Amino acid sequence: NAALVEEATAAARAMEEQAQQLTEAVALFRLSNDVQTLTGAAPAVRHPAAKRPAAASKPATKSQVRPQPARTTLAAESNWAEF
């Protein structure tokens, strides 16, 4: 168990370092003319939940698609070569 804790701790530290490097790399990109320097984590952006579309008055009809038979190829058409 102690070994697992040590591995988890090392992995967490490595992830923190990688997150810091990623933050520094992303900070180089500019999205607009008035760029503000971020010193901490960006706040989470909340998007309003998408509204469900109203139920249709009549159900959609299924199109009648018939399966097509498999196309057979002639041996002369194939690009296979025997070795």
PDB file of N, CA and C in Angstrom:
ATOM      1  N   ASN A   1       0.818  -1.195   0.000  1.00  0.00           N
ATOM      2  CA  ASN A   1       0.000   0.000   0.000  1.00  0.00           C
ATOM      3  C   ASN A   1       0.862   1.259   0.000  1.00  0.00           C
ATOM      4  N   ALA A   2       1.966   1.227   0.722  1.00  0.00           N
ATOM      5  CA  ALA A   2       2.833   2.399   0.782  1.00  0.00           C
ATOM      6  C   ALA A   2       3.425   2.699  -0.590  1.00  0.00           C
ATOM      7  N   ALA A   3       3.739   1.658  -1.339  1.00  0.00           N
ATOM      8  CA  ALA A   3       4.286   1.860  -2.679  1.00  0.00           C
ATOM      9  C   ALA A   3       3.252   2.515  -3.592  1.00  0.00           C
ATOM     10  N   LEU A   4       1.998   2.110  -3.456  1.00  0.00           N
ATOM     11  CA  LEU A   4       0.943   2.712  -4.261  1.00  0.00           C
ATOM     12  C   LEU A   4       0.758   4.185  -3.920  1.00  0.00           C
ATOM     13  N   VAL A   5       0.872   4.517  -2.636  1.00  0.00           N
ATOM     14  CA  VAL A   5       0.752   5.909  -2.215  1.00  0.00           C
ATOM     15  C   VAL A   5       1.895   6.726  -2.798  1.00  0.00           C
ATOM     16  N   GLU A   6       3.105   6.172  -2.766  1.00  0.00           N
ATOM     17  CA  GLU A   6       4.257   6.879  -3.326  1.00  0.00           C
ATOM     18  C   GLU A   6       4.096   7.084  -4.833  1.00  0.00           C
ATOM     19  N   GLU A   7       3.611   6.067  -5.530  1.00  0.00           N
ATOM     20  CA  GLU A   7       3.394   6.187  -6.967  1.00  0.00           C
ATOM     21  C   GLU A   7       2.333   7.236  -7.271  1.00  0.00           C
ATOM     22  N   ALA A   8       1.259   7.236  -6.497  1.00  0.00           N
ATOM     23  CA  ALA A   8       0.189   8.210  -6.708  1.00  0.00           C
ATOM     24  C   ALA A   8       0.687   9.624  -6.439  1.00  0.00           C
ATOM     25  N   THR A   9       1.519   9.781  -5.409  1.00  0.00           N
ATOM     26  CA  THR A   9       2.076  11.096  -5.087  1.00  0.00           C
ATOM     27  C   THR A   9       2.984  11.581  -6.209  1.00  0.00           C
ATOM     28  N   ALA A  10       3.823  10.694  -6.707  1.00  0.00           N
ATOM     29  CA  ALA A  10       4.720  11.062  -7.805  1.00  0.00           C
ATOM     30  C   ALA A  10       3.923  11.420  -9.057  1.00  0.00           C
ATOM     31  N   ALA A  11       2.877  10.673  -9.331  1.00  0.00           N
ATOM     32  CA  ALA A  11       2.045  10.957 -10.501  1.00  0.00           C
ATOM     33  C   ALA A  11       1.342  12.302 -10.348  1.00  0.00           C
ATOM     34  N   ALA A  12       0.872  12.606  -9.144  1.00  0.00           N
ATOM     35  CA  ALA A  12       0.199  13.885  -8.905  1.00  0.00           C
ATOM     36  C   ALA A  12       1.164  15.047  -9.099  1.00  0.00           C
ATOM     37  N   ARG A  13       2.375  14.899  -8.619  1.00  0.00           N
ATOM     38  CA  ARG A  13       3.376  15.961  -8.796  1.00  0.00           C
ATOM     39  C   ARG A  13       3.716  16.146 -10.271  1.00  0.00           C
ATOM     40  N   ALA A  14       3.853  15.044 -10.978  1.00  0.00           N
ATOM     41  CA  ALA A  14       4.158  15.128 -12.407  1.00  0.00           C
ATOM     42  C   ALA A  14       3.019  15.820 -13.156  1.00  0.00           C
ATOM     43  N   MET A  15       1.783  15.508 -12.774  1.00  0.00           N
ATOM     44  CA  MET A  15       0.643  16.150 -13.418  1.00  0.00           C
ATOM     45  C   MET A  15       0.607  17.640 -13.118  1.00  0.00           C
ATOM     46  N   GLU A  16       0.962  18.039 -11.903  1.00  0.00           N
ATOM     47  CA  GLU A  16       1.007  19.461 -11.561  1.00  0.00           C
ATOM     48  C   GLU A  16       2.046  20.183 -12.417  1.00  0.00           C
ATOM     49  N   GLU A  17       3.208  19.563 -12.593  1.00  0.00           N
ATOM     50  CA  GLU A  17       4.255  20.164 -13.421  1.00  0.00           C
ATOM     51  C   GLU A  17       3.801  20.280 -14.874  1.00  0.00           C
ATOM     52  N   GLN A  18       3.159  19.231 -15.376  1.00  0.00           N
ATOM     53  CA  GLN A  18       2.682  19.256 -16.754  1.00  0.00           C
ATOM     54  C   GLN A  18       1.585  20.300 -16.936  1.00  0.00           C
ATOM     55  N   ALA A  19       0.727  20.440 -15.938  1.00  0.00           N
ATOM     56  CA  ALA A  19      -0.328  21.448 -16.010  1.00  0.00           C
ATOM     57  C   ALA A  19       0.271  22.848 -16.041  1.00  0.00           C
ATOM     58  N   GLN A  20       1.309  23.077 -15.248  1.00  0.00           N
ATOM     59  CA  GLN A  20       1.976  24.378 -15.237  1.00  0.00           C
ATOM     60  C   GLN A  20       2.618  24.660 -16.596  1.00  0.00           C
ATOM     61  N   GLN A  21       3.275  23.652 -17.169  1.00  0.00           N
ATOM     62  CA  GLN A  21       3.897  23.821 -18.482  1.00  0.00           C
ATOM     63  C   GLN A  21       2.845  24.102 -19.552  1.00  0.00           C
ATOM     64  N   LEU A  22       1.724  23.414 -19.466  1.00  0.00           N
ATOM     65  CA  LEU A  22       0.650  23.628 -20.425  1.00  0.00           C
ATOM     66  C   LEU A  22       0.070  25.030 -20.283  1.00  0.00           C
ATOM     67  N   THR A  23      -0.095  25.481 -19.055  1.00  0.00           N
ATOM     68  CA  THR A  23      -0.597  26.835 -18.818  1.00  0.00           C
ATOM     69  C   THR A  23       0.337  27.867 -19.419  1.00  0.00           C
ATOM     70  N   GLU A  24       1.633  27.678 -19.243  1.00  0.00           N
ATOM     71  CA  GLU A  24       2.609  28.609 -19.805  1.00  0.00           C
ATOM     72  C   GLU A  24       2.591  28.573 -21.330  1.00  0.00           C
ATOM     73  N   ALA A  25       2.445  27.392 -21.909  1.00  0.00           N
ATOM     74  CA  ALA A  25       2.423  27.273 -23.368  1.00  0.00           C
ATOM     75  C   ALA A  25       1.178  27.925 -23.958  1.00  0.00           C
ATOM     76  N   VAL A  26       0.038  27.740 -23.321  1.00  0.00           N
ATOM     77  CA  VAL A  26      -1.212  28.289 -23.827  1.00  0.00           C
ATOM     78  C   VAL A  26      -1.254  29.802 -23.637  1.00  0.00           C
ATOM     79  N   ALA A  27      -0.561  30.318 -22.629  1.00  0.00           N
ATOM     80  CA  ALA A  27      -0.567  31.756 -22.363  1.00  0.00           C
ATOM     81  C   ALA A  27       0.058  32.548 -23.506  1.00  0.00           C
ATOM     82  N   LEU A  28       0.807  31.903 -24.379  1.00  0.00           N
ATOM     83  CA  LEU A  28       1.446  32.585 -25.495  1.00  0.00           C
ATOM     84  C   LEU A  28       0.464  32.958 -26.599  1.00  0.00           C
ATOM     85  N   PHE A  29      -0.671  32.289 -26.659  1.00  0.00           N
ATOM     86  CA  PHE A  29      -1.637  32.547 -27.712  1.00  0.00           C
ATOM     87  C   PHE A  29      -2.485  33.758 -27.360  1.00  0.00           C
ATOM     88  N   ARG A  30      -2.791  34.555 -28.364  1.00  0.00           N
ATOM     89  CA  ARG A  30      -3.617  35.743 -28.167  1.00  0.00           C
ATOM     90  C   ARG A  30      -4.912  35.553 -28.950  1.00  0.00           C
ATOM     91  N   LEU A  31      -6.015  35.842 -28.293  1.00  0.00           N
ATOM     92  CA  LEU A  31      -7.304  35.671 -28.932  1.00  0.00           C
ATOM     93  C   LEU A  31      -7.905  36.983 -29.417  1.00  0.00           C
ATOM     94  N   SER A  32      -7.477  38.112 -28.864  1.00  0.00           N
ATOM     95  CA  SER A  32      -7.992  39.407 -29.288  1.00  0.00           C
ATOM     96  C   SER A  32      -6.930  40.467 -29.053  1.00  0.00           C
ATOM     97  N   ASN A  33      -7.226  41.705 -29.442  1.00  0.00           N
ATOM     98  CA  ASN A  33      -6.266  42.789 -29.285  1.00  0.00           C
ATOM     99  C   ASN A  33      -6.049  43.182 -27.831  1.00  0.00           C
ATOM    100  N   ASP A  34      -7.050  43.046 -27.000  1.00  0.00           N
ATOM    101  CA  ASP A  34      -6.916  43.426 -25.599  1.00  0.00           C
ATOM    102  C   ASP A  34      -6.696  42.182 -24.739  1.00  0.00           C
ATOM    103  N   VAL A  35      -5.487  41.672 -24.771  1.00  0.00           N
ATOM    104  CA  VAL A  35      -5.133  40.460 -24.049  1.00  0.00           C
ATOM    105  C   VAL A  35      -4.830  40.811 -22.602  1.00  0.00           C
ATOM    106  N   GLN A  36      -5.388  40.037 -21.700  1.00  0.00           N
ATOM    107  CA  GLN A  36      -5.104  40.205 -20.288  1.00  0.00           C
ATOM    108  C   GLN A  36      -4.264  39.024 -19.839  1.00  0.00           C
ATOM    109  N   THR A  37      -3.300  39.287 -18.980  1.00  0.00           N
ATOM    110  CA  THR A  37      -2.441  38.227 -18.483  1.00  0.00           C
ATOM    111  C   THR A  37      -3.163  37.486 -17.372  1.00  0.00           C
ATOM    112  N   LEU A  38      -3.204  36.181 -17.492  1.00  0.00           N
ATOM    113  CA  LEU A  38      -3.834  35.360 -16.469  1.00  0.00           C
ATOM    114  C   LEU A  38      -2.777  34.900 -15.484  1.00  0.00           C
ATOM    115  N   THR A  39      -3.036  35.103 -14.213  1.00  0.00           N
ATOM    116  CA  THR A  39      -2.087  34.656 -13.205  1.00  0.00           C
ATOM    117  C   THR A  39      -2.569  33.401 -12.521  1.00  0.00           C
ATOM    118  N   GLY A  40      -3.824  33.091 -12.630  1.00  0.00           N
ATOM    119  CA  GLY A  40      -4.371  31.901 -11.986  1.00  0.00           C
ATOM    120  C   GLY A  40      -5.168  31.103 -12.991  1.00  0.00           C
ATOM    121  N   ALA A  41      -5.904  30.171 -12.482  1.00  0.00           N
ATOM    122  CA  ALA A  41      -6.727  29.337 -13.343  1.00  0.00           C
ATOM    123  C   ALA A  41      -7.895  30.158 -13.870  1.00  0.00           C
ATOM    124  N   ALA A  42      -8.293  29.882 -15.073  1.00  0.00           N
ATOM    125  CA  ALA A  42      -9.415  30.589 -15.680  1.00  0.00           C
ATOM    126  C   ALA A  42     -10.710  30.131 -15.026  1.00  0.00           C
ATOM    127  N   PRO A  43     -11.656  31.041 -14.851  1.00  0.00           N
ATOM    128  CA  PRO A  43     -12.929  30.637 -14.260  1.00  0.00           C
ATOM    129  C   PRO A  43     -13.683  29.727 -15.217  1.00  0.00           C
ATOM    130  N   ALA A  44     -14.452  28.845 -14.657  1.00  0.00           N
ATOM    131  CA  ALA A  44     -15.221  27.917 -15.472  1.00  0.00           C
ATOM    132  C   ALA A  44     -16.309  28.677 -16.207  1.00  0.00           C
ATOM    133  N   VAL A  45     -16.503  28.351 -17.464  1.00  0.00           N
ATOM    134  CA  VAL A  45     -17.533  28.986 -18.270  1.00  0.00           C
ATOM    135  C   VAL A  45     -18.771  28.125 -18.186  1.00  0.00           C
ATOM    136  N   ARG A  46     -19.865  28.739 -17.804  1.00  0.00           N
ATOM    137  CA  ARG A  46     -21.119  27.996 -17.709  1.00  0.00           C
ATOM    138  C   ARG A  46     -21.991  28.353 -18.900  1.00  0.00           C
ATOM    139  N   HIS A  47     -22.440  27.330 -19.573  1.00  0.00           N
ATOM    140  CA  HIS A  47     -23.341  27.516 -20.696  1.00  0.00           C
ATOM    141  C   HIS A  47     -24.731  27.102 -20.236  1.00  0.00           C
ATOM    142  N   PRO A  48     -25.748  27.853 -20.606  1.00  0.00           N
ATOM    143  CA  PRO A  48     -27.094  27.447 -20.199  1.00  0.00           C
ATOM    144  C   PRO A  48     -27.438  26.107 -20.829  1.00  0.00           C
ATOM    145  N   ALA A  49     -28.200  25.335 -20.099  1.00  0.00           N
ATOM    146  CA  ALA A  49     -28.580  24.015 -20.593  1.00  0.00           C
ATOM    147  C   ALA A  49     -29.417  24.172 -21.853  1.00  0.00           C
ATOM    148  N   ALA A  50     -29.146  23.328 -22.812  1.00  0.00           N
ATOM    149  CA  ALA A  50     -29.887  23.381 -24.067  1.00  0.00           C
ATOM    150  C   ALA A  50     -31.314  22.927 -23.824  1.00  0.00           C
ATOM    151  N   LYS A  51     -32.251  23.659 -24.401  1.00  0.00           N
ATOM    152  CA  LYS A  51     -33.650  23.287 -24.245  1.00  0.00           C
ATOM    153  C   LYS A  51     -33.962  22.148 -25.188  1.00  0.00           C
ATOM    154  N   ARG A  52     -34.789  21.246 -24.710  1.00  0.00           N
ATOM    155  CA  ARG A  52     -35.199  20.131 -25.552  1.00  0.00           C
ATOM    156  C   ARG A  52     -36.179  20.637 -26.591  1.00  0.00           C
ATOM    157  N   PRO A  53     -36.066  20.141 -27.805  1.00  0.00           N
ATOM    158  CA  PRO A  53     -37.021  20.572 -28.823  1.00  0.00           C
ATOM    159  C   PRO A  53     -38.416  20.057 -28.489  1.00  0.00           C
ATOM    160  N   ALA A  54     -39.406  20.824 -28.876  1.00  0.00           N
ATOM    161  CA  ALA A  54     -40.783  20.418 -28.624  1.00  0.00           C
ATOM    162  C   ALA A  54     -41.073  19.143 -29.403  1.00  0.00           C
ATOM    163  N   ALA A  55     -41.910  18.312 -28.825  1.00  0.00           N
ATOM    164  CA  ALA A  55     -42.256  17.051 -29.471  1.00  0.00           C
ATOM    165  C   ALA A  55     -43.000  17.337 -30.769  1.00  0.00           C
ATOM    166  N   ALA A  56     -42.658  16.604 -31.795  1.00  0.00           N
ATOM    167  CA  ALA A  56     -43.306  16.788 -33.089  1.00  0.00           C
ATOM    168  C   ALA A  56     -44.749  16.327 -32.992  1.00  0.00           C
ATOM    169  N   SER A  57     -45.626  16.951 -33.771  1.00  0.00           N
ATOM    170  CA  SER A  57     -47.037  16.601 -33.707  1.00  0.00           C
ATOM    171  C   SER A  57     -47.295  15.208 -34.264  1.00  0.00           C
ATOM    172  N   LYS A  58     -46.524  14.787 -35.251  1.00  0.00           N
ATOM    173  CA  LYS A  58     -46.669  13.418 -35.736  1.00  0.00           C
ATOM    174  C   LYS A  58     -45.281  12.806 -35.859  1.00  0.00           C
ATOM    175  N   PRO A  59     -45.165  11.532 -35.564  1.00  0.00           N
ATOM    176  CA  PRO A  59     -43.843  10.900 -35.586  1.00  0.00           C
ATOM    177  C   PRO A  59     -43.275  10.852 -36.997  1.00  0.00           C
ATOM    178  N   ALA A  60     -41.972  10.884 -37.055  1.00  0.00           N
ATOM    179  CA  ALA A  60     -41.289  10.808 -38.340  1.00  0.00           C
ATOM    180  C   ALA A  60     -41.499   9.431 -38.945  1.00  0.00           C
ATOM    181  N   THR A  61     -41.667   9.404 -40.244  1.00  0.00           N
ATOM    182  CA  THR A  61     -41.866   8.121 -40.912  1.00  0.00           C
ATOM    183  C   THR A  61     -40.523   7.541 -41.300  1.00  0.00           C
ATOM    184  N   LYS A  62     -40.443   6.244 -41.216  1.00  0.00           N
ATOM    185  CA  LYS A  62     -39.208   5.563 -41.587  1.00  0.00           C
ATOM    186  C   LYS A  62     -39.194   5.354 -43.092  1.00  0.00           C
ATOM    187  N   SER A  63     -38.074   5.630 -43.693  1.00  0.00           N
ATOM    188  CA  SER A  63     -37.961   5.398 -45.128  1.00  0.00           C
ATOM    189  C   SER A  63     -37.711   3.915 -45.366  1.00  0.00           C
ATOM    190  N   GLN A  64     -38.264   3.426 -46.432  1.00  0.00           N
ATOM    191  CA  GLN A  64     -38.119   2.020 -46.773  1.00  0.00           C
ATOM    192  C   GLN A  64     -36.844   1.842 -47.588  1.00  0.00           C
ATOM    193  N   VAL A  65     -35.764   1.459 -46.925  1.00  0.00           N
ATOM    194  CA  VAL A  65     -34.495   1.227 -47.596  1.00  0.00           C
ATOM    195  C   VAL A  65     -34.281  -0.270 -47.672  1.00  0.00           C
ATOM    196  N   ARG A  66     -34.121  -0.740 -48.876  1.00  0.00           N
ATOM    197  CA  ARG A  66     -33.906  -2.174 -49.053  1.00  0.00           C
ATOM    198  C   ARG A  66     -32.419  -2.444 -49.142  1.00  0.00           C
ATOM    199  N   PRO A  67     -31.973  -3.488 -48.476  1.00  0.00           N
ATOM    200  CA  PRO A  67     -30.545  -3.813 -48.539  1.00  0.00           C
ATOM    201  C   PRO A  67     -30.163  -4.260 -49.942  1.00  0.00           C
ATOM    202  N   GLN A  68     -29.012  -3.816 -50.383  1.00  0.00           N
ATOM    203  CA  GLN A  68     -28.500  -4.181 -51.693  1.00  0.00           C
ATOM    204  C   GLN A  68     -27.632  -5.427 -51.551  1.00  0.00           C
ATOM    205  N   PRO A  69     -27.662  -6.311 -52.531  1.00  0.00           N
ATOM    206  CA  PRO A  69     -26.802  -7.493 -52.447  1.00  0.00           C
ATOM    207  C   PRO A  69     -25.333  -7.083 -52.538  1.00  0.00           C
ATOM    208  N   ALA A  70     -24.499  -7.866 -51.899  1.00  0.00           N
ATOM    209  CA  ALA A  70     -23.066  -7.580 -51.915  1.00  0.00           C
ATOM    210  C   ALA A  70     -22.538  -7.678 -53.335  1.00  0.00           C
ATOM    211  N   ARG A  71     -21.665  -6.750 -53.683  1.00  0.00           N
ATOM    212  CA  ARG A  71     -21.086  -6.735 -55.024  1.00  0.00           C
ATOM    213  C   ARG A  71     -19.937  -7.723 -55.071  1.00  0.00           C
ATOM    214  N   THR A  72     -19.959  -8.563 -56.054  1.00  0.00           N
ATOM    215  CA  THR A  72     -18.875  -9.532 -56.196  1.00  0.00           C
ATOM    216  C   THR A  72     -17.851  -8.988 -57.173  1.00  0.00           C
ATOM    217  N   THR A  73     -16.602  -9.239 -56.891  1.00  0.00           N
ATOM    218  CA  THR A  73     -15.536  -8.777 -57.782  1.00  0.00           C
ATOM    219  C   THR A  73     -14.907  -9.973 -58.462  1.00  0.00           C
ATOM    220  N   LEU A  74     -14.485  -9.757 -59.667  1.00  0.00           N
ATOM    221  CA  LEU A  74     -13.800 -10.810 -60.400  1.00  0.00           C
ATOM    222  C   LEU A  74     -12.356 -10.877 -59.950  1.00  0.00           C
ATOM    223  N   ALA A  75     -11.749 -12.024 -60.100  1.00  0.00           N
ATOM    224  CA  ALA A  75     -10.356 -12.195 -59.702  1.00  0.00           C
ATOM    225  C   ALA A  75      -9.451 -11.263 -60.496  1.00  0.00           C
ATOM    226  N   ALA A  76      -9.805 -10.970 -61.731  1.00  0.00           N
ATOM    227  CA  ALA A  76      -8.980 -10.089 -62.561  1.00  0.00           C
ATOM    228  C   ALA A  76      -9.028  -8.652 -62.056  1.00  0.00           C
ATOM    229  N   GLU A  77     -10.114  -8.268 -61.377  1.00  0.00           N
ATOM    230  CA  GLU A  77     -10.252  -6.906 -60.882  1.00  0.00           C
ATOM    231  C   GLU A  77      -9.489  -6.666 -59.586  1.00  0.00           C
ATOM    232  N   SER A  78      -9.200  -7.709 -58.875  1.00  0.00           N
ATOM    233  CA  SER A  78      -8.579  -7.509 -57.571  1.00  0.00           C
ATOM    234  C   SER A  78      -7.104  -7.171 -57.712  1.00  0.00           C
ATOM    235  N   ASN A  79      -6.580  -6.461 -56.739  1.00  0.00           N
ATOM    236  CA  ASN A  79      -5.178  -6.048 -56.742  1.00  0.00           C
ATOM    237  C   ASN A  79      -4.312  -6.975 -55.904  1.00  0.00           C
ATOM    238  N   TRP A  80      -4.813  -8.116 -55.561  1.00  0.00           N
ATOM    239  CA  TRP A  80      -4.073  -9.038 -54.707  1.00  0.00           C
ATOM    240  C   TRP A  80      -3.066  -9.826 -55.529  1.00  0.00           C
ATOM    241  N   ALA A  81      -1.951 -10.083 -54.925  1.00  0.00           N
ATOM    242  CA  ALA A  81      -0.930 -10.906 -55.566  1.00  0.00           C
ATOM    243  C   ALA A  81      -0.522 -11.993 -54.587  1.00  0.00           C
ATOM    244  N   GLU A  82      -0.279 -13.176 -55.109  1.00  0.00           N
ATOM    245  CA  GLU A  82       0.154 -14.268 -54.250  1.00  0.00           C
ATOM    246  C   GLU A  82       1.668 -14.288 -54.189  1.00  0.00           C
ATOM    247  N   PHE A  83       2.196 -14.605 -53.025  1.00  0.00           N
ATOM    248  CA  PHE A  83       3.641 -14.668 -52.834  1.00  0.00           C
ATOM    249  C   PHE A  83       4.088 -16.084 -52.634  1.00  0.00           C
TER     250      PHE A  83
END
